C-alpha atoms as a PDB file:
ATOM      1  CA  UNK A   1      -0.073  -0.123  -0.235  1.00  0.00           C
ATOM      2  CA  UNK A   2       1.244   3.630  -0.489  1.00  0.00           C
ATOM      3  CA  UNK A   3       1.498   6.376   1.557  1.00  0.00           C
ATOM      4  CA  UNK A   4      -0.695   9.300   3.054  1.00  0.00           C
ATOM      5  CA  UNK A   5      -0.795  13.011   4.137  1.00  0.00           C
ATOM      6  CA  UNK A   6      -3.758  13.886   6.494  1.00  0.00           C
ATOM      7  CA  UNK A   7      -3.313  17.147   7.004  1.00  0.00           C
ATOM      8  CA  UNK A   8      -2.988  19.790   4.151  1.00  0.00           C
ATOM      9  CA  UNK A   9      -4.370  23.455   3.372  1.00  0.00           C
ATOM     10  CA  UNK A  10      -5.165  24.859   0.280  1.00  0.00           C
ATOM     11  CA  UNK A  11      -6.715  28.238  -1.162  1.00  0.00           C
ATOM     12  CA  UNK A  12      -9.762  27.710   0.731  1.00  0.00           C
ATOM     13  CA  UNK A  13      -7.697  28.395   3.619  1.00  0.00           C
ATOM     14  CA  UNK A  14      -3.854  29.600   4.053  1.00  0.00           C
ATOM     15  CA  UNK A  15      -2.545  27.334   1.275  1.00  0.00           C
ATOM     16  CA  UNK A  16      -1.162  28.450  -2.093  1.00  0.00           C
ATOM     17  CA  UNK A  17      -2.131  25.771  -3.836  1.00  0.00           C
ATOM     18  CA  UNK A  18      -5.625  25.362  -5.116  1.00  0.00           C
ATOM     19  CA  UNK A  19      -7.773  21.795  -4.345  1.00  0.00           C
ATOM     20  CA  UNK A  20      -7.241  20.298  -7.458  1.00  0.00           C
ATOM     21  CA  UNK A  21      -3.152  21.345  -7.753  1.00  0.00           C
ATOM     22  CA  UNK A  22      -2.713  19.683  -4.436  1.00  0.00           C
ATOM     23  CA  UNK A  23      -4.660  16.857  -5.569  1.00  0.00           C
ATOM     24  CA  UNK A  24      -2.953  16.852  -8.632  1.00  0.00           C
ATOM     25  CA  UNK A  25       0.700  17.286  -6.872  1.00  0.00           C
ATOM     26  CA  UNK A  26      -0.170  14.676  -4.214  1.00  0.00           C
ATOM     27  CA  UNK A  27      -0.473  11.934  -7.424  1.00  0.00           C
ATOM     28  CA  UNK A  28       3.015  13.095  -8.426  1.00  0.00           C
ATOM     29  CA  UNK A  29       4.514  12.415  -5.535  1.00  0.00           C
ATOM     30  CA  UNK A  30       2.853   8.616  -5.588  1.00  0.00           C
ATOM     31  CA  UNK A  31       0.442   9.023  -2.750  1.00  0.00           C
ATOM     32  CA  UNK A  32      -2.511   6.965  -2.176  1.00  0.00           C
ATOM     33  CA  UNK A  33      -4.633   9.156  -0.045  1.00  0.00           C
ATOM     34  CA  UNK A  34      -4.507  12.376   0.780  1.00  0.00           C
ATOM     35  CA  UNK A  35      -6.953  14.737   3.645  1.00  0.00           C
ATOM     36  CA  UNK A  36      -8.057  18.301   3.004  1.00  0.00           C
ATOM     37  CA  UNK A  37      -7.946  19.844   6.263  1.00  0.00           C
ATOM     38  CA  UNK A  38      -8.073  23.550   5.818  1.00  0.00           C
ATOM     39  CA  UNK A  39      -8.831  26.023   8.541  1.00  0.00           C
ATOM     40  CA  UNK A  40     -12.735  26.408  10.272  1.00  0.00           C
ATOM     41  CA  UNK A  41     -14.226  25.657   6.750  1.00  0.00           C
ATOM     42  CA  UNK A  42     -14.459  23.210   3.995  1.00  0.00           C
ATOM     43  CA  UNK A  43     -14.844  25.429   0.815  1.00  0.00           C
ATOM     44  CA  UNK A  44     -12.331  23.323  -0.637  1.00  0.00           C
ATOM     45  CA  UNK A  45     -13.284  19.810  -0.215  1.00  0.00           C
ATOM     46  CA  UNK A  46     -15.590  19.570  -3.020  1.00  0.00           C
ATOM     47  CA  UNK A  47     -12.845  20.182  -5.803  1.00  0.00           C
ATOM     48  CA  UNK A  48     -10.476  18.245  -3.930  1.00  0.00           C
ATOM     49  CA  UNK A  49     -12.828  15.214  -4.182  1.00  0.00           C
ATOM     50  CA  UNK A  50     -13.915  15.672  -7.982  1.00  0.00           C
ATOM     51  CA  UNK A  51     -10.183  15.823  -8.916  1.00  0.00           C
ATOM     52  CA  UNK A  52      -9.451  12.871  -7.016  1.00  0.00           C
ATOM     53  CA  UNK A  53     -12.271  10.830  -8.720  1.00  0.00           C
ATOM     54  CA  UNK A  54     -10.761  12.179 -11.735  1.00  0.00           C
ATOM     55  CA  UNK A  55      -6.914  10.694 -11.214  1.00  0.00           C
ATOM     56  CA  UNK A  56      -7.522   7.963  -9.118  1.00  0.00           C
ATOM     57  CA  UNK A  57      -6.062   9.565  -5.519  1.00  0.00           C
ATOM     58  CA  UNK A  58      -8.276   9.060  -2.590  1.00  0.00           C
ATOM     59  CA  UNK A  59      -9.481  12.134  -0.953  1.00  0.00           C
ATOM     60  CA  UNK A  60     -10.609  12.367   2.657  1.00  0.00           C
ATOM     61  CA  UNK A  61     -13.025  15.122   3.261  1.00  0.00           C
ATOM     62  CA  UNK A  62     -11.732  16.905   6.778  1.00  0.00           C
ATOM     63  CA  UNK A  63     -11.368  20.417   8.675  1.00  0.00           C
ATOM     64  CA  UNK A  64      -9.112  21.932  10.986  1.00  0.00           C
ATOM     65  CA  UNK A  65     -10.997  23.459  13.470  1.00  0.00           C
ATOM     66  CA  UNK A  66      -9.629  26.212  16.281  1.00  0.00           C
ATOM     67  CA  UNK A  67     -11.111  25.560  19.264  1.00  0.00           C
ATOM     68  CA  UNK A  68     -10.798  27.624  22.925  1.00  0.00           C
ATOM     69  CA  UNK A  69      -7.783  27.082  24.867  1.00  0.00           C
ATOM     70  CA  UNK A  70      -5.994  29.089  27.496  1.00  0.00           C
ATOM     71  CA  UNK A  71      -2.277  27.724  27.691  1.00  0.00           C
ATOM     72  CA  UNK A  72      -1.168  27.854  23.950  1.00  0.00           C
ATOM     73  CA  UNK A  73      -3.298  26.463  21.126  1.00  0.00           C
ATOM     74  CA  UNK A  74      -5.598  23.716  19.935  1.00  0.00           C
ATOM     75  CA  UNK A  75      -6.835  22.129  16.574  1.00  0.00           C
ATOM     76  CA  UNK A  76      -8.941  19.606  16.313  1.00  0.00           C
ATOM     77  CA  UNK A  77      -9.105  18.086  12.884  1.00  0.00           C
ATOM     78  CA  UNK A  78     -12.340  15.684  11.569  1.00  0.00           C
ATOM     79  CA  UNK A  79     -11.758  13.214   9.759  1.00  0.00           C
ATOM     80  CA  UNK A  80     -14.464  11.676   7.203  1.00  0.00           C
ATOM     81  CA  UNK A  81     -16.813  14.743   7.522  1.00  0.00           C
ATOM     82  CA  UNK A  82     -20.171  14.535   5.483  1.00  0.00           C
ATOM     83  CA  UNK A  83     -19.830  18.069   4.128  1.00  0.00           C
ATOM     84  CA  UNK A  84     -23.422  18.437   3.632  1.00  0.00           C
ATOM     85  CA  UNK A  85     -24.443  18.254   6.992  1.00  0.00           C
ATOM     86  CA  UNK A  86     -26.357  20.705   8.542  1.00  0.00           C
ATOM     87  CA  UNK A  87     -25.355  21.207  12.063  1.00  0.00           C
ATOM     88  CA  UNK A  88     -21.732  21.701  10.360  1.00  0.00           C
ATOM     89  CA  UNK A  89     -22.637  24.017   8.044  1.00  0.00           C
ATOM     90  CA  UNK A  90     -24.410  26.099  10.438  1.00  0.00           C
ATOM     91  CA  UNK A  91     -21.458  26.430  12.709  1.00  0.00           C
ATOM     92  CA  UNK A  92     -18.931  26.861  10.476  1.00  0.00           C
ATOM     93  CA  UNK A  93     -20.883  30.043   9.520  1.00  0.00           C
ATOM     94  CA  UNK A  94     -20.895  31.380  13.016  1.00  0.00           C
ATOM     95  CA  UNK A  95     -17.147  31.238  12.221  1.00  0.00           C
ATOM     96  CA  UNK A  96     -16.717  32.841   9.049  1.00  0.00           C
ATOM     97  CA  UNK A  97     -18.709  35.903  10.580  1.00  0.00           C
ATOM     98  CA  UNK A  98     -16.447  36.267  13.855  1.00  0.00           C
ATOM     99  CA  UNK A  99     -13.620  36.232  10.973  1.00  0.00           C
ATOM    100  CA  UNK A 100     -14.895  38.519   8.858  1.00  0.00           C
ATOM    101  CA  UNK A 101     -15.734  41.064  11.766  1.00  0.00           C
ATOM    102  CA  UNK A 102     -12.543  40.197  13.381  1.00  0.00           C
ATOM    103  CA  UNK A 103     -10.076  41.238  10.063  1.00  0.00           C
ATOM    104  CA  UNK A 104     -11.346  44.795   9.700  1.00  0.00           C
ATOM    105  CA  UNK A 105     -10.598  45.218  13.444  1.00  0.00           C
ATOM    106  CA  UNK A 106      -7.154  44.092  12.687  1.00  0.00           C
ATOM    107  CA  UNK A 107      -6.719  46.910  10.001  1.00  0.00           C
ATOM    108  CA  UNK A 108      -7.661  49.323  12.258  1.00  0.00           C
ATOM    109  CA  UNK A 109      -4.876  48.515  14.401  1.00  0.00           C
ATOM    110  CA  UNK A 110      -2.614  48.440  12.330  1.00  0.00           C
ATOM    111  CA  UNK A 111      -3.312  51.899  10.609  1.00  0.00           C
ATOM    112  CA  UNK A 112      -2.882  53.281  14.266  1.00  0.00           C
ATOM    113  CA  UNK A 113       0.374  51.933  14.291  1.00  0.00           C
ATOM    114  CA  UNK A 114       1.444  53.586  11.544  1.00  0.00           C
ATOM    115  CA  UNK A 115       1.365  50.889   8.769  1.00  0.00           C
ATOM    116  CA  UNK A 116      -1.356  51.728   6.151  1.00  0.00           C
ATOM    117  CA  UNK A 117      -2.409  48.899   5.001  1.00  0.00           C
ATOM    118  CA  UNK A 118      -6.011  48.414   3.478  1.00  0.00           C
ATOM    119  CA  UNK A 119      -8.245  45.460   3.830  1.00  0.00           C
ATOM    120  CA  UNK A 120      -8.707  45.203   0.023  1.00  0.00           C
ATOM    121  CA  UNK A 121      -4.860  44.314   0.058  1.00  0.00           C
ATOM    122  CA  UNK A 122      -5.379  41.328   2.304  1.00  0.00           C
ATOM    123  CA  UNK A 123      -8.300  39.807  -0.023  1.00  0.00           C
ATOM    124  CA  UNK A 124      -5.820  40.317  -2.622  1.00  0.00           C
ATOM    125  CA  UNK A 125      -3.585  38.130  -0.756  1.00  0.00           C
ATOM    126  CA  UNK A 126      -5.920  35.715   0.250  1.00  0.00           C
ATOM    127  CA  UNK A 127      -6.801  34.836  -3.713  1.00  0.00           C
ATOM    128  CA  UNK A 128     -10.359  33.237  -3.358  1.00  0.00           C
ATOM    129  CA  UNK A 129     -10.267  32.054   0.287  1.00  0.00           C
ATOM    130  CA  UNK A 130     -11.070  33.434   3.413  1.00  0.00           C
ATOM    131  CA  UNK A 131      -8.722  35.778   5.058  1.00  0.00           C
ATOM    132  CA  UNK A 132      -6.815  34.933   7.871  1.00  0.00           C
ATOM    133  CA  UNK A 133      -3.155  35.968   9.769  1.00  0.00           C
ATOM    134  CA  UNK A 134      -1.149  35.076   7.569  1.00  0.00           C
ATOM    135  CA  UNK A 135      -2.199  36.982   4.556  1.00  0.00           C
ATOM    136  CA  UNK A 136      -1.765  39.877   6.682  1.00  0.00           C
ATOM    137  CA  UNK A 137       1.269  38.499   7.224  1.00  0.00           C
ATOM    138  CA  UNK A 138       1.769  38.318   3.391  1.00  0.00           C
ATOM    139  CA  UNK A 139       0.665  41.899   2.830  1.00  0.00           C
ATOM    140  CA  UNK A 140       3.358  43.452   5.592  1.00  0.00           C
ATOM    141  CA  UNK A 141       6.238  41.175   3.974  1.00  0.00           C
ATOM    142  CA  UNK A 142       5.181  42.711   0.206  1.00  0.00           C
ATOM    143  CA  UNK A 143       4.861  46.175   1.627  1.00  0.00           C
ATOM    144  CA  UNK A 144       8.575  45.526   3.501  1.00  0.00           C
ATOM    145  CA  UNK A 145       7.069  46.698   6.838  1.00  0.00           C
ATOM    146  CA  UNK A 146       8.963  42.982   7.885  1.00  0.00           C
ATOM    147  CA  UNK A 147      11.554  41.172   6.519  1.00  0.00           C
ATOM    148  CA  UNK A 148       9.699  37.988   7.042  1.00  0.00           C
ATOM    149  CA  UNK A 149       5.962  36.053   7.999  1.00  0.00           C
ATOM    150  CA  UNK A 150       8.140  35.135  11.148  1.00  0.00           C
ATOM    151  CA  UNK A 151       8.786  38.875  11.791  1.00  0.00           C
ATOM    152  CA  UNK A 152       5.123  39.750  10.686  1.00  0.00           C
ATOM    153  CA  UNK A 153       3.675  37.741  13.494  1.00  0.00           C
ATOM    154  CA  UNK A 154       6.433  38.416  16.334  1.00  0.00           C
ATOM    155  CA  UNK A 155       6.064  41.914  16.109  1.00  0.00           C
ATOM    156  CA  UNK A 156       2.235  42.816  14.655  1.00  0.00           C
ATOM    157  CA  UNK A 157       0.014  39.338  14.737  1.00  0.00           C
ATOM    158  CA  UNK A 158       0.762  36.811  17.088  1.00  0.00           C
ATOM    159  CA  UNK A 159      -1.409  36.609  20.279  1.00  0.00           C
ATOM    160  CA  UNK A 160      -0.801  39.433  22.637  1.00  0.00           C
ATOM    161  CA  UNK A 161       1.173  41.633  19.641  1.00  0.00           C
ATOM    162  CA  UNK A 162      -0.270  44.984  19.289  1.00  0.00           C
ATOM    163  CA  UNK A 163      -2.259  43.951  16.463  1.00  0.00           C
ATOM    164  CA  UNK A 164      -3.743  41.149  17.171  1.00  0.00           C
ATOM    165  CA  UNK A 165      -7.601  40.701  17.740  1.00  0.00           C
ATOM    166  CA  UNK A 166      -8.824  37.715  19.309  1.00  0.00           C
ATOM    167  CA  UNK A 167     -11.343  35.588  17.442  1.00  0.00           C
ATOM    168  CA  UNK A 168     -14.681  33.767  18.508  1.00  0.00           C
ATOM    169  CA  UNK A 169     -14.127  30.141  19.239  1.00  0.00           C
ATOM    170  CA  UNK A 170     -15.743  27.083  19.755  1.00  0.00           C
ATOM    171  CA  UNK A 171     -15.072  24.997  23.219  1.00  0.00           C
ATOM    172  CA  UNK A 172     -13.334  21.522  22.089  1.00  0.00           C
ATOM    173  CA  UNK A 173     -16.689  19.784  23.448  1.00  0.00           C
ATOM    174  CA  UNK A 174     -18.709  21.907  20.740  1.00  0.00           C
ATOM    175  CA  UNK A 175     -16.056  20.932  18.138  1.00  0.00           C
ATOM    176  CA  UNK A 176     -16.055  17.449  18.407  1.00  0.00           C
ATOM    177  CA  UNK A 177     -20.200  17.115  19.226  1.00  0.00           C
ATOM    178  CA  UNK A 178     -20.745  18.825  15.458  1.00  0.00           C
ATOM    179  CA  UNK A 179     -17.585  16.898  14.030  1.00  0.00           C
ATOM    180  CA  UNK A 180     -19.390  13.851  15.375  1.00  0.00           C
ATOM    181  CA  UNK A 181     -22.980  14.407  14.573  1.00  0.00           C
ATOM    182  CA  UNK A 182     -21.124  15.536  10.865  1.00  0.00           C
ATOM    183  CA  UNK A 183     -20.318  11.467  11.051  1.00  0.00           C
ATOM    184  CA  UNK A 184     -16.625  12.836  11.472  1.00  0.00           C
ATOM    185  CA  UNK A 185     -13.635  11.503  13.456  1.00  0.00           C
ATOM    186  CA  UNK A 186     -12.218  13.678  15.789  1.00  0.00           C
ATOM    187  CA  UNK A 187      -7.890  13.768  16.136  1.00  0.00           C
ATOM    188  CA  UNK A 188      -6.082  16.455  18.614  1.00  0.00           C
ATOM    189  CA  UNK A 189      -3.792  18.166  15.972  1.00  0.00           C
ATOM    190  CA  UNK A 190       0.182  18.350  16.628  1.00  0.00           C
ATOM    191  CA  UNK A 191      -0.475  18.375  20.466  1.00  0.00           C
ATOM    192  CA  UNK A 192       3.005  19.879  20.733  1.00  0.00           C
ATOM    193  CA  UNK A 193       0.975  23.564  20.343  1.00  0.00           C
ATOM    194  CA  UNK A 194      -0.403  23.214  23.783  1.00  0.00           C
ATOM    195  CA  UNK A 195       1.905  24.408  25.955  1.00  0.00           C
ATOM    196  CA  UNK A 196       1.364  21.997  28.581  1.00  0.00           C
ATOM    197  CA  UNK A 197       3.957  21.434  31.378  1.00  0.00           C
ATOM    198  CA  UNK A 198       4.963  17.840  30.611  1.00  0.00           C
ATOM    199  CA  UNK A 199       3.128  14.378  30.302  1.00  0.00           C
ATOM    200  CA  UNK A 200       0.864  14.131  32.694  1.00  0.00           C
ATOM    201  CA  UNK A 201      -1.303  17.422  32.167  1.00  0.00           C
ATOM    202  CA  UNK A 202      -1.016  16.496  28.388  1.00  0.00           C
ATOM    203  CA  UNK A 203      -2.707  13.167  29.447  1.00  0.00           C
ATOM    204  CA  UNK A 204      -4.973  14.984  31.890  1.00  0.00           C
ATOM    205  CA  UNK A 205      -5.942  17.094  29.155  1.00  0.00           C
ATOM    206  CA  UNK A 206      -6.943  14.053  26.705  1.00  0.00           C
ATOM    207  CA  UNK A 207      -8.851  12.287  29.247  1.00  0.00           C
ATOM    208  CA  UNK A 208     -10.897  15.079  29.498  1.00  0.00           C
ATOM    209  CA  UNK A 209     -10.672  15.476  25.338  1.00  0.00           C
ATOM    210  CA  UNK A 210     -11.906  11.469  25.428  1.00  0.00           C
ATOM    211  CA  UNK A 211     -14.748  12.048  27.291  1.00  0.00           C
ATOM    212  CA  UNK A 212     -16.178  14.507  25.146  1.00  0.00           C
ATOM    213  CA  UNK A 213     -15.585  12.492  22.515  1.00  0.00           C
ATOM    214  CA  UNK A 214     -11.905  12.681  20.911  1.00  0.00           C
ATOM    215  CA  UNK A 215     -10.892   9.318  18.309  1.00  0.00           C
ATOM    216  CA  UNK A 216      -7.052   9.989  17.443  1.00  0.00           C
ATOM    217  CA  UNK A 217      -3.777  11.926  17.974  1.00  0.00           C
ATOM    218  CA  UNK A 218      -1.720  13.529  15.404  1.00  0.00           C
ATOM    219  CA  UNK A 219       1.241  11.869  16.623  1.00  0.00           C
ATOM    220  CA  UNK A 220       3.407  12.034  13.415  1.00  0.00           C
ATOM    221  CA  UNK A 221       4.034  16.112  12.643  1.00  0.00           C
ATOM    222  CA  UNK A 222       7.177  17.839  11.314  1.00  0.00           C
ATOM    223  CA  UNK A 223       7.865  20.250  14.110  1.00  0.00           C
ATOM    224  CA  UNK A 224       7.193  17.210  16.863  1.00  0.00           C
ATOM    225  CA  UNK A 225      10.942  15.712  18.050  1.00  0.00           C
ATOM    226  CA  UNK A 226      11.720  12.931  18.653  1.00  0.00           C
ATOM    227  CA  UNK A 227      10.375  12.344  22.103  1.00  0.00           C
ATOM    228  CA  UNK A 228       7.558  14.277  21.491  1.00  0.00           C
ATOM    229  CA  UNK A 229       6.520  11.517  18.788  1.00  0.00           C
ATOM    230  CA  UNK A 230       7.153   8.772  21.031  1.00  0.00           C
ATOM    231  CA  UNK A 231       4.879  10.082  24.205  1.00  0.00           C
ATOM    232  CA  UNK A 232       1.930  10.799  21.884  1.00  0.00           C
ATOM    233  CA  UNK A 233       2.269   8.255  20.163  1.00  0.00           C
ATOM    234  CA  UNK A 234       2.538   5.760  24.010  1.00  0.00           C
ATOM    235  CA  UNK A 235      -0.415   7.926  25.483  1.00  0.00           C
ATOM    236  CA  UNK A 236      -2.479   6.829  21.793  1.00  0.00           C
ATOM    237  CA  UNK A 237      -1.821   3.268  22.489  1.00  0.00           C
ATOM    238  CA  UNK A 238      -2.504   3.436  26.180  1.00  0.00           C
ATOM    239  CA  UNK A 239      -5.780   5.176  25.400  1.00  0.00           C
ATOM    240  CA  UNK A 240      -6.704   3.014  22.176  1.00  0.00           C
ATOM    241  CA  UNK A 241      -6.519   6.379  19.808  1.00  0.00           C
ATOM    242  CA  UNK A 242      -6.618   5.949  16.610  1.00  0.00           C
ATOM    243  CA  UNK A 243      -2.928   7.409  15.443  1.00  0.00           C
ATOM    244  CA  UNK A 244      -2.913   9.993  12.614  1.00  0.00           C
ATOM    245  CA  UNK A 245      -0.012  12.260  10.749  1.00  0.00           C
ATOM    246  CA  UNK A 246       0.757  15.004   8.021  1.00  0.00           C
ATOM    247  CA  UNK A 247       2.610  17.485   7.197  1.00  0.00           C
ATOM    248  CA  UNK A 248       0.064  20.781   7.609  1.00  0.00           C
ATOM    249  CA  UNK A 249       1.311  21.363   3.961  1.00  0.00           C
ATOM    250  CA  UNK A 250       0.736  24.703   2.704  1.00  0.00           C
ATOM    251  CA  UNK A 251       3.026  24.806   0.273  1.00  0.00           C
ATOM    252  CA  UNK A 252       6.406  24.520  -0.254  1.00  0.00           C
ATOM    253  CA  UNK A 253       7.262  27.514  -0.784  1.00  0.00           C
ATOM    254  CA  UNK A 254       5.770  28.544   3.010  1.00  0.00           C
ATOM    255  CA  UNK A 255       7.910  26.775   5.303  1.00  0.00           C
ATOM    256  CA  UNK A 256      10.212  24.218   3.603  1.00  0.00           C
ATOM    257  CA  UNK A 257       7.648  21.046   4.564  1.00  0.00           C
ATOM    258  CA  UNK A 258       7.033  19.185   1.250  1.00  0.00           C
ATOM    259  CA  UNK A 259       3.513  17.041   0.792  1.00  0.00           C
ATOM    260  CA  UNK A 260       4.178  13.484   1.677  1.00  0.00           C
ATOM    261  CA  UNK A 261       7.203  13.986   3.207  1.00  0.00           C
ATOM    262  CA  UNK A 262       7.755  16.872   5.471  1.00  0.00           C
ATOM    263  CA  UNK A 263      11.104  17.769   5.255  1.00  0.00           C
ATOM    264  CA  UNK A 264      12.400  14.788   3.801  1.00  0.00           C
ATOM    265  CA  UNK A 265      11.912  11.765   6.160  1.00  0.00           C
ATOM    266  CA  UNK A 266       8.216  11.514   6.448  1.00  0.00           C
ATOM    267  CA  UNK A 267       6.321   8.139   5.616  1.00  0.00           C
ATOM    268  CA  UNK A 268       2.864   7.753   6.887  1.00  0.00           C
ATOM    269  CA  UNK A 269       1.192   4.433   6.494  1.00  0.00           C
ATOM    270  CA  UNK A 270      -2.245   3.837   4.635  1.00  0.00           C
ATOM    271  CA  UNK A 271      -3.115   2.043   7.252  1.00  0.00           C
ATOM    272  CA  UNK A 272      -3.493   4.950   9.205  1.00  0.00           C
ATOM    273  CA  UNK A 273      -7.191   5.820   6.621  1.00  0.00           C
ATOM    274  CA  UNK A 274      -8.180   2.316   7.391  1.00  0.00           C
ATOM    275  CA  UNK A 275      -7.902   3.067  11.122  1.00  0.00           C
ATOM    276  CA  UNK A 276      -9.948   6.202  10.852  1.00  0.00           C
ATOM    277  CA  UNK A 277     -12.641   4.465   8.503  1.00  0.00           C
ATOM    278  CA  UNK A 278     -12.962   1.474  11.062  1.00  0.00           C
ATOM    279  CA  UNK A 279     -13.482   4.675  14.040  1.00  0.00           C
ATOM    280  CA  UNK A 280     -16.048   5.950  11.697  1.00  0.00           C
ATOM    281  CA  UNK A 281     -17.949   2.720  11.176  1.00  0.00           C
ATOM    282  CA  UNK A 282     -17.969   1.867  14.636  1.00  0.00           C
ATOM    283  CA  UNK A 283     -18.876   5.441  15.850  1.00  0.00           C
ATOM    284  CA  UNK A 284     -21.886   5.085  12.941  1.00  0.00           C
ATOM    285  CA  UNK A 285     -22.730   1.643  14.267  1.00  0.00           C
ATOM    286  CA  UNK A 286     -22.931   2.876  17.657  1.00  0.00           C
ATOM    287  CA  UNK A 287     -25.046   6.130  17.015  1.00  0.00           C
ATOM    288  CA  UNK A 288     -22.433   8.759  18.290  1.00  0.00           C
END
């Protein structure tokens, strides 16, 4: 069986390739399956599914949701979601509305800091996708107010920085509920961004998330250290959670991470997709 990549972004959120381009690129890399996991949106999934059918690549309908969390950042991945499910679509509309209200406030803050960028410029940077902080960063780099994406976030856009505006987020319980309602399998994305103090805190958090309906952990991820990978795998096995992985691919120009292989050493087995399917089927049978 071939290899897979279960964490990929497209122009529907903050990636640089369209869904069709990503699917074709994955096929050219010899992958057997990918998941399109755009931030808070499923707008790119239909196009990706269609292209996948056309060229013979399995495309998993998925999403990445940022949820309320006090320490670092918590992202939940939902796999095999029904993209036509009414509750899912209703909740995603709430997130889009919150984004739309947040972006002009960030423009206003940047303007007050003496950086005269416009919302139209940020909108152009997003192409046809939803506007997010990476598009603000892109404009700041292009107009030479900063030298890099990292500097844009450090100086202006990260949490606590002068142009940052907090956004509405669902709780983990709410997000898991609507992912599950849409027949999806919820996986905790890249646990290394949670900002926790050691394995005991992480294990406690994961136990709480399991009670809310969590089914898996993203164990394999380019930014996980070898020791973190071992730790997350051990927790997943201990609690019978699905083990997944992915590159968080946005486009190779962005951070040197390539689709399917990360920084060159990632090879993820198709058995991950089979485990997700098993989790989805057992959830459907139990009415969850």
